[in-house]
Amino acid sequence: MTDDDRQRAAETPAGGAEGVPSPAAGTDPSAAADLHAAPDAAPAVPPGGEPSLAGTEPGPEGEATPADPEPAQGRKKKKRDNTWWDDLKAILWLLLAVLLFHSCVAKPFYIPSESMMPGLLKGDRLVVSKFPYGWSWVSPSFHIFPHWEGRIWGAMPRRGDIVIVTPRNSSSDYIKRVIGLPGDTIQLIAGQVFLNGRPLRREERPPTMIPVDANVPCGIDEPEGSEGRRFLFRGTGGRWYCRLPVFREYIPDGSELRAYDTIDGGYTTADDFPLYRVPAGHVFLMGDNRDDSADSRVSEDRSGLGGAVPWENIGGRAEFITFSLDGSSSYWNPVSWFTALRGGRAGTSLHPSSAPQTAGQDQGQNQNRNQGAPRP
């Protein structure tokens, strides 16, 4: 070794080449070799597989590039679309359920006239059940079916029931009371109803006092002394009332007498009606306000029912009043929805009261109770 070689050896660090640590004393030389090789080692490879490149995908010339995020965004958009469609389907199913309930079980009804006073006032809202008499072409809330005769699981109404009826050649709904069943004979003489040749029992009651409002004006806007104001009455405190004469009428149904109140303020042309036999599969209907009701006594050209109506035209039975409005409410004023409520009418039953018949009373009036439900 020359003097130059010895000088270079003296200047070289004891660890060997610059930046590479020398093996510690007592260290296996193979371990030191592994330590030097570690910076260039390849990533671990799972047994029998390719190297894991999570979040990357092959790029040009074998370079790894970040995975494309588009599929995840597409899944989110599809999820949003599915949510919108699911919401729409839920709303459609809810509407269908409500329509089926209204058509098959019960529906609300609004009283648009004074034809069923004193029991029902214009502005009353009530519940009509659809199933007591079975179902027919008028059962759906919207009359979408063509007319057919008869009813599905049909039953004839009882005398005294309040029913919803669709007149012939009409899509409107009337509300009236059942007076005659198939085979019954009906006649009116000076307002007295004769059923199967016998007069219905009739009792005068104290006049009813109905507060005057927008739905029951009682002629308050008519000139002083006019016929329309004859029932107006000013009560204590200066409040106006409609003071109407009331007669309680009793109608036989099987072994039961059913009672309801009617209004008869004097003679009208409808107080006389010739002898009439109710055809098979029909019912004879009348309003409780005998002075102002377009019912079976009134011809069709005068907006009446024109005699008995087919039983398949009955849409349901009135059950009870839910609430009543006096006509002063406005859609644009929510406060008026509450101030317009009439007190004391919610929950009122619309079924006739009953009283047992005395022995032999009204025999012969019940003989046609179950006759003529189906047509021959």
Protein backbone atom coordinates (compact mmCIF):
# COMPACT_ATOMS: atom_id res chain seq x y z
CA MET A 1 0.00 0.00 0.00
CA THR A 2 1.35 3.42 -0.95
CA ASP A 3 1.29 6.51 1.22
CA ASP A 4 -1.71 7.90 -0.79
CA ASP A 5 -3.76 4.75 -0.15
CA ARG A 6 -3.11 4.89 3.55
CA GLN A 7 -4.21 8.56 3.65
CA ARG A 8 -7.53 7.84 1.83
CA ALA A 9 -8.23 4.94 4.19
CA ALA A 10 -7.71 7.19 7.16
CA GLU A 11 -10.17 9.80 5.83
CA THR A 12 -12.94 7.20 5.13
CA PRO A 13 -15.61 6.83 8.02
CA ALA A 14 -15.52 3.62 9.96
CA GLY A 15 -19.08 2.73 8.77
CA GLY A 16 -18.01 2.31 5.15
CA ALA A 17 -19.59 4.22 2.24
CA GLU A 18 -21.18 7.60 3.05
CA GLY A 19 -24.85 7.36 4.19
CA VAL A 20 -24.74 3.56 4.67
CA PRO A 21 -24.42 2.41 8.29
CA SER A 22 -22.04 -0.38 8.96
CA PRO A 23 -23.16 -3.53 10.72
CA ALA A 24 -22.95 -3.37 14.43
CA ALA A 25 -20.51 -5.61 16.07
CA GLY A 26 -21.84 -9.14 16.41
CA THR A 27 -24.54 -8.61 13.76
CA ASP A 28 -25.17 -11.33 11.17
CA PRO A 29 -23.82 -10.14 7.82
CA SER A 30 -26.98 -11.47 6.02
CA ALA A 31 -29.17 -9.23 8.19
CA ALA A 32 -27.06 -6.29 7.21
CA ALA A 33 -27.56 -7.21 3.57
CA ASP A 34 -31.34 -7.21 4.08
CA LEU A 35 -31.16 -3.82 5.74
CA HIS A 36 -29.34 -2.33 2.80
CA ALA A 37 -31.85 -3.89 0.36
CA ALA A 38 -35.02 -2.68 2.20
CA PRO A 39 -35.39 0.68 0.43
CA ASP A 40 -35.78 -1.06 -2.92
CA ALA A 41 -38.06 -3.89 -1.74
CA ALA A 42 -41.33 -4.47 -3.69
CA PRO A 43 -44.72 -4.19 -1.93
CA ALA A 44 -46.11 -7.27 -0.27
CA VAL A 45 -48.10 -9.60 -2.53
CA PRO A 46 -50.97 -11.65 -1.14
CA PRO A 47 -50.55 -15.38 -1.57
CA GLY A 48 -51.60 -16.38 -5.09
CA GLY A 49 -52.68 -12.86 -6.09
CA GLU A 50 -51.64 -9.57 -7.60
CA PRO A 51 -50.23 -6.66 -5.63
CA SER A 52 -52.95 -4.70 -3.80
CA LEU A 53 -53.47 -1.26 -5.36
CA ALA A 54 -56.49 -0.06 -3.36
CA GLY A 55 -57.87 3.23 -4.68
CA THR A 56 -55.82 2.99 -7.90
CA GLU A 57 -56.22 1.50 -11.33
CA PRO A 58 -53.67 0.77 -14.05
CA GLY A 59 -52.55 3.82 -16.03
CA PRO A 60 -50.46 4.19 -19.14
CA GLU A 61 -47.22 2.20 -19.16
CA GLY A 62 -48.11 0.49 -15.91
CA GLU A 63 -48.43 3.67 -13.80
CA ALA A 64 -51.08 3.67 -11.08
CA THR A 65 -53.76 6.41 -11.26
CA PRO A 66 -56.57 7.33 -8.76
CA ALA A 67 -59.86 5.35 -9.22
CA ASP A 68 -62.64 7.15 -11.18
CA PRO A 69 -65.25 8.50 -8.66
CA GLU A 70 -68.10 8.57 -11.25
CA PRO A 71 -69.70 5.20 -10.36
CA ALA A 72 -70.25 6.35 -6.74
CA GLN A 73 -71.93 9.57 -7.94
CA GLY A 74 -74.14 7.58 -10.28
CA ARG A 75 -75.25 5.39 -7.40
CA LYS A 76 -76.18 8.46 -5.35
CA LYS A 77 -78.25 9.89 -8.21
CA LYS A 78 -80.03 6.57 -8.69
CA LYS A 79 -80.79 6.46 -4.98
CA ARG A 80 -82.28 9.97 -5.15
CA ASP A 81 -84.44 8.94 -8.15
CA ASN A 82 -85.66 5.85 -6.31
CA THR A 83 -86.58 7.94 -3.26
CA TRP A 84 -88.68 10.33 -5.39
CA TRP A 85 -90.50 7.43 -7.06
CA ASP A 86 -91.10 5.70 -3.71
CA ASP A 87 -92.63 8.90 -2.31
CA LEU A 88 -94.93 9.23 -5.31
CA LYS A 89 -96.04 5.60 -5.00
CA ALA A 90 -96.77 6.08 -1.30
CA ILE A 91 -98.99 9.09 -2.08
CA LEU A 92 -100.82 7.17 -4.82
CA TRP A 93 -101.43 4.23 -2.50
CA LEU A 94 -102.74 6.59 0.18
CA LEU A 95 -105.16 8.23 -2.27
CA LEU A 96 -106.35 4.81 -3.43
CA ALA A 97 -106.91 3.71 0.17
CA VAL A 98 -108.97 6.85 0.92
CA LEU A 99 -111.03 6.37 -2.25
CA LEU A 100 -111.72 2.72 -1.38
CA PHE A 101 -112.71 3.67 2.16
CA HIS A 102 -115.06 6.39 0.91
CA SER A 103 -116.58 4.01 -1.66
CA CYS A 104 -116.95 0.89 0.48
CA VAL A 105 -117.09 1.90 4.14
CA ALA A 106 -118.05 5.53 4.84
CA LYS A 107 -117.73 9.04 3.46
CA PRO A 108 -118.47 12.61 4.58
CA PHE A 109 -121.52 14.40 3.23
CA TYR A 110 -122.59 18.04 3.16
CA ILE A 111 -126.19 19.24 3.54
CA PRO A 112 -126.79 21.79 0.76
CA SER A 113 -130.46 22.64 1.34
CA GLU A 114 -133.26 22.98 3.90
CA SER A 115 -135.23 19.92 2.73
CA MET A 116 -134.45 17.83 5.85
CA MET A 117 -135.16 20.45 8.52
CA PRO A 118 -135.56 20.41 11.47
CA GLY A 119 -133.25 17.42 11.99
CA LEU A 120 -130.67 18.48 9.41
CA LEU A 121 -129.72 22.07 8.69
CA LYS A 122 -128.01 23.52 5.66
CA GLY A 123 -124.29 23.51 6.49
CA ASP A 124 -124.32 20.27 8.51
CA ARG A 125 -121.51 17.81 7.80
CA LEU A 126 -122.25 14.17 8.48
CA VAL A 127 -121.01 10.63 8.00
CA VAL A 128 -122.70 8.29 5.52
CA SER A 129 -122.01 4.56 5.82
CA LYS A 130 -121.83 2.64 2.55
CA PHE A 131 -122.20 -1.01 3.61
CA PRO A 132 -125.62 -1.35 5.40
CA TYR A 133 -127.51 -1.95 2.12
CA GLY A 134 -124.69 -3.56 0.14
CA TRP A 135 -122.96 -1.91 -2.82
CA SER A 136 -124.22 -0.75 -6.20
CA TRP A 137 -123.20 1.39 -9.14
CA VAL A 138 -123.57 4.59 -7.06
CA SER A 139 -121.36 3.39 -4.18
CA PRO A 140 -118.06 4.85 -5.50
CA SER A 141 -117.43 8.43 -4.45
CA PHE A 142 -117.33 9.34 -8.13
CA HIS A 143 -120.05 7.68 -10.21
CA ILE A 144 -117.65 6.04 -12.65
CA PHE A 145 -119.56 2.80 -13.22
CA PRO A 146 -122.40 2.34 -15.70
CA HIS A 147 -125.85 1.75 -14.28
CA TRP A 148 -126.70 -1.84 -13.36
CA GLU A 149 -129.72 -3.28 -11.60
CA GLY A 150 -129.54 -4.72 -8.10
CA ARG A 151 -126.90 -4.61 -5.39
CA ILE A 152 -123.95 -6.70 -4.23
CA TRP A 153 -124.88 -8.34 -0.90
CA GLY A 154 -127.91 -6.08 -0.97
CA ALA A 155 -130.36 -5.38 1.85
CA MET A 156 -133.50 -3.29 1.75
CA PRO A 157 -133.50 -0.12 3.89
CA ARG A 158 -135.79 0.20 6.86
CA ARG A 159 -138.68 2.64 6.95
CA GLY A 160 -137.49 5.81 8.65
CA ASP A 161 -133.85 5.53 7.55
CA ILE A 162 -132.20 8.66 6.17
CA VAL A 163 -130.43 7.74 2.94
CA ILE A 164 -128.34 9.27 0.18
CA VAL A 165 -129.91 8.77 -3.25
CA THR A 166 -128.90 9.55 -6.82
CA PRO A 167 -131.91 10.54 -8.98
CA ARG A 168 -132.44 8.93 -12.35
CA ASN A 169 -130.38 10.46 -15.18
CA SER A 170 -128.37 12.52 -12.71
CA SER A 171 -125.02 12.48 -10.95
CA SER A 172 -126.20 14.61 -8.01
CA ASP A 173 -126.85 13.20 -4.55
CA TYR A 174 -130.01 13.91 -2.54
CA ILE A 175 -130.66 13.10 1.10
CA LYS A 176 -134.17 11.92 2.03
CA ARG A 177 -136.07 9.64 4.41
CA VAL A 178 -137.43 6.21 3.49
CA ILE A 179 -141.23 6.16 3.80
CA GLY A 180 -142.35 3.29 1.56
CA LEU A 181 -140.84 -0.10 0.68
CA PRO A 182 -141.60 -2.40 -2.27
CA GLY A 183 -145.29 -3.33 -2.29
CA ASP A 184 -146.34 -0.51 0.07
CA THR A 185 -149.09 1.90 -0.92
CA ILE A 186 -148.51 5.61 -0.27
CA GLN A 187 -151.03 8.45 -0.29
CA LEU A 188 -151.04 12.02 1.09
CA ILE A 189 -154.20 13.96 1.89
CA ALA A 190 -153.73 17.52 3.17
CA GLY A 191 -150.24 16.61 4.45
CA GLN A 192 -151.35 13.43 6.25
CA VAL A 193 -149.38 10.37 5.11
CA PHE A 194 -151.29 7.14 4.58
CA LEU A 195 -149.18 3.96 4.53
CA ASN A 196 -150.93 0.83 3.29
CA GLY A 197 -154.29 2.51 3.78
CA ARG A 198 -153.71 3.68 7.36
CA PRO A 199 -152.69 7.19 8.51
CA LEU A 200 -149.35 7.52 10.18
CA ARG A 201 -149.60 8.64 13.77
CA ARG A 202 -148.78 12.35 13.97
CA GLU A 203 -148.33 14.61 17.00
CA GLU A 204 -147.90 18.37 17.13
CA ARG A 205 -144.78 19.44 19.01
CA PRO A 206 -143.57 22.81 20.32
CA PRO A 207 -142.12 24.94 17.52
CA THR A 208 -138.40 24.61 16.90
CA MET A 209 -136.30 27.74 17.31
CA ILE A 210 -133.40 27.77 14.82
CA PRO A 211 -131.05 30.78 15.02
CA VAL A 212 -131.01 32.80 11.80
CA ASP A 213 -127.67 32.77 9.99
CA ALA A 214 -126.30 32.80 6.45
CA ASN A 215 -127.30 29.16 5.89
CA VAL A 216 -130.76 29.52 7.49
CA PRO A 217 -131.84 33.07 6.57
CA CYS A 218 -135.56 32.41 7.10
CA GLY A 219 -136.39 35.30 4.75
CA ILE A 220 -134.71 37.95 6.87
CA ASP A 221 -133.54 39.78 3.75
CA GLU A 222 -137.01 39.87 2.24
CA PRO A 223 -139.33 42.90 2.49
CA GLU A 224 -141.24 43.43 5.70
CA GLY A 225 -144.59 41.61 5.70
CA SER A 226 -143.65 39.20 2.88
CA GLU A 227 -144.59 35.52 2.97
CA GLY A 228 -140.96 34.47 3.37
CA ARG A 229 -140.72 36.25 6.73
CA ARG A 230 -143.72 34.62 8.35
CA PHE A 231 -141.60 32.32 10.53
CA LEU A 232 -139.16 35.02 11.67
CA PHE A 233 -139.17 35.58 15.41
CA ARG A 234 -137.13 38.03 17.48
CA GLY A 235 -136.07 36.48 20.75
CA THR A 236 -134.71 37.92 23.96
CA GLY A 237 -131.65 40.05 23.40
CA GLY A 238 -132.85 40.96 19.91
CA ARG A 239 -131.59 37.79 18.24
CA TRP A 240 -133.57 36.52 15.27
CA TYR A 241 -134.86 32.93 15.09
CA CYS A 242 -136.67 30.78 12.56
CA ARG A 243 -139.72 29.60 14.50
CA LEU A 244 -141.01 26.55 12.63
CA PRO A 245 -144.09 24.36 13.36
CA VAL A 246 -143.05 20.78 14.11
CA PHE A 247 -145.03 17.52 13.89
CA ARG A 248 -143.62 14.25 15.15
CA GLU A 249 -144.40 11.36 12.82
CA TYR A 250 -144.35 7.66 13.76
CA ILE A 251 -143.75 5.02 11.09
CA PRO A 252 -143.99 1.26 11.69
CA ASP A 253 -141.08 -1.01 10.85
CA GLY A 254 -141.51 -4.61 11.90
CA SER A 255 -142.40 -4.65 15.59
CA GLU A 256 -141.02 -1.17 16.12
CA LEU A 257 -142.40 2.33 15.77
CA ARG A 258 -139.77 4.78 14.57
CA ALA A 259 -140.23 8.49 15.29
CA TYR A 260 -138.83 11.63 13.67
CA ASP A 261 -139.78 15.32 13.46
CA THR A 262 -141.17 17.00 10.37
CA ILE A 263 -142.04 20.58 9.42
CA ASP A 264 -145.48 21.45 8.10
CA GLY A 265 -146.07 25.19 7.87
CA GLY A 266 -149.31 25.04 5.91
CA TYR A 267 -150.76 23.69 2.71
CA THR A 268 -148.63 23.25 -0.42
CA THR A 269 -149.35 21.38 -3.64
CA ALA A 270 -147.11 18.52 -2.42
CA ASP A 271 -149.43 17.92 0.55
CA ASP A 272 -151.76 15.96 -1.74
CA PHE A 273 -150.43 12.89 -3.53
CA PRO A 274 -152.58 10.24 -5.21
CA LEU A 275 -152.58 6.58 -4.17
CA TYR A 276 -149.32 5.03 -5.33
CA ARG A 277 -147.94 1.50 -5.05
CA VAL A 278 -144.18 1.20 -4.66
CA PRO A 279 -142.81 -1.10 -7.40
CA ALA A 280 -140.60 -4.09 -6.66
CA GLY A 281 -136.98 -3.12 -6.08
CA HIS A 282 -137.89 0.54 -5.36
CA VAL A 283 -138.29 2.80 -2.31
CA PHE A 284 -140.45 5.89 -1.75
CA LEU A 285 -138.58 8.82 -0.23
CA MET A 286 -139.65 12.11 1.35
CA GLY A 287 -137.91 15.07 2.98
CA ASP A 288 -138.70 16.00 6.57
CA ASN A 289 -139.42 19.59 5.51
CA ARG A 290 -142.72 18.72 3.86
CA ASP A 291 -143.12 22.30 2.58
CA ASP A 292 -139.81 22.43 0.71
CA SER A 293 -138.48 19.09 -0.51
CA ALA A 294 -137.94 17.78 -4.04
CA ASP A 295 -138.66 14.14 -3.25
CA SER A 296 -140.75 11.22 -4.58
CA ARG A 297 -143.88 13.41 -4.53
CA VAL A 298 -142.35 15.85 -7.03
CA SER A 299 -141.92 15.24 -10.75
CA GLU A 300 -138.51 15.00 -12.35
CA ASP A 301 -139.11 18.12 -14.48
CA ARG A 302 -139.36 20.03 -11.19
CA SER A 303 -136.06 18.52 -9.97
CA GLY A 304 -137.88 15.91 -7.89
CA LEU A 305 -137.43 12.14 -7.80
CA GLY A 306 -140.56 11.46 -9.84
CA GLY A 307 -141.97 8.65 -7.72
CA ALA A 308 -140.16 5.76 -6.08
CA VAL A 309 -136.50 5.29 -6.98
CA PRO A 310 -134.64 2.01 -7.69
CA TRP A 311 -132.95 0.66 -4.59
CA GLU A 312 -129.64 0.43 -6.45
CA ASN A 313 -129.67 4.26 -6.59
CA ILE A 314 -129.23 4.44 -2.82
CA GLY A 315 -125.66 5.34 -1.96
CA GLY A 316 -125.68 4.84 1.81
CA ARG A 317 -127.25 5.56 5.19
CA ALA A 318 -126.76 8.77 7.19
CA GLU A 319 -125.29 8.03 10.63
CA PHE A 320 -124.39 11.16 12.64
CA ILE A 321 -123.40 14.81 12.37
CA THR A 322 -119.68 15.58 12.66
CA PHE A 323 -119.90 19.39 12.72
CA SER A 324 -121.99 22.24 11.34
CA LEU A 325 -121.16 25.64 9.81
CA ASP A 326 -123.43 28.69 9.77
CA GLY A 327 -122.21 29.93 6.37
CA SER A 328 -119.99 32.77 7.60
CA SER A 329 -116.64 31.02 7.10
CA SER A 330 -114.13 31.98 4.42
CA TYR A 331 -111.41 29.85 2.85
CA TRP A 332 -108.96 32.75 3.17
CA ASN A 333 -109.66 33.42 6.84
CA PRO A 334 -108.72 30.42 9.03
CA VAL A 335 -110.12 32.12 12.14
CA SER A 336 -113.59 32.06 10.56
CA TRP A 337 -113.43 28.27 10.28
CA PHE A 338 -113.88 28.17 14.04
CA THR A 339 -116.14 31.15 14.60
CA ALA A 340 -118.60 29.73 12.02
CA LEU A 341 -119.09 26.48 13.95
CA ARG A 342 -122.58 25.89 15.30
CA GLY A 343 -122.58 24.66 18.85
CA GLY A 344 -124.33 21.52 20.09
CA ARG A 345 -124.65 19.67 16.77
CA ALA A 346 -121.53 17.50 16.64
CA GLY A 347 -122.26 13.85 17.38
CA THR A 348 -126.04 14.09 16.87
CA SER A 349 -127.40 10.71 15.76
CA LEU A 350 -129.48 10.62 12.59
CA HIS A 351 -131.25 7.36 13.40
CA PRO A 352 -134.95 7.67 14.29
CA SER A 353 -135.92 7.23 17.91
CA SER A 354 -138.02 4.17 18.60
CA ALA A 355 -141.05 3.23 20.68
CA PRO A 356 -142.69 -0.19 21.01
CA GLN A 357 -145.99 -0.70 19.22
CA THR A 358 -149.11 -1.46 21.16
CA ALA A 359 -150.81 -4.77 20.54
CA GLY A 360 -152.43 -4.82 17.14
CA GLN A 361 -151.24 -1.31 16.31
CA ASP A 362 -150.61 -0.63 12.63
CA GLN A 363 -151.10 -4.25 11.65
CA GLY A 364 -151.08 -4.58 7.89
CA GLN A 365 -148.61 -1.70 7.48
CA ASN A 366 -145.76 -4.14 8.08
CA GLN A 367 -146.95 -6.87 5.75
CA ASN A 368 -144.75 -5.66 2.88
CA ARG A 369 -141.59 -5.16 4.99
CA ASN A 370 -139.57 -7.76 3.10
CA GLN A 371 -141.45 -7.92 -0.17
CA GLY A 372 -140.02 -7.01 -3.51
CA ALA A 373 -136.35 -6.52 -2.69
CA PRO A 374 -135.24 -8.29 -5.87
CA ARG A 375 -137.03 -7.57 -9.09
CA PRO A 376 -139.09 -10.43 -10.54
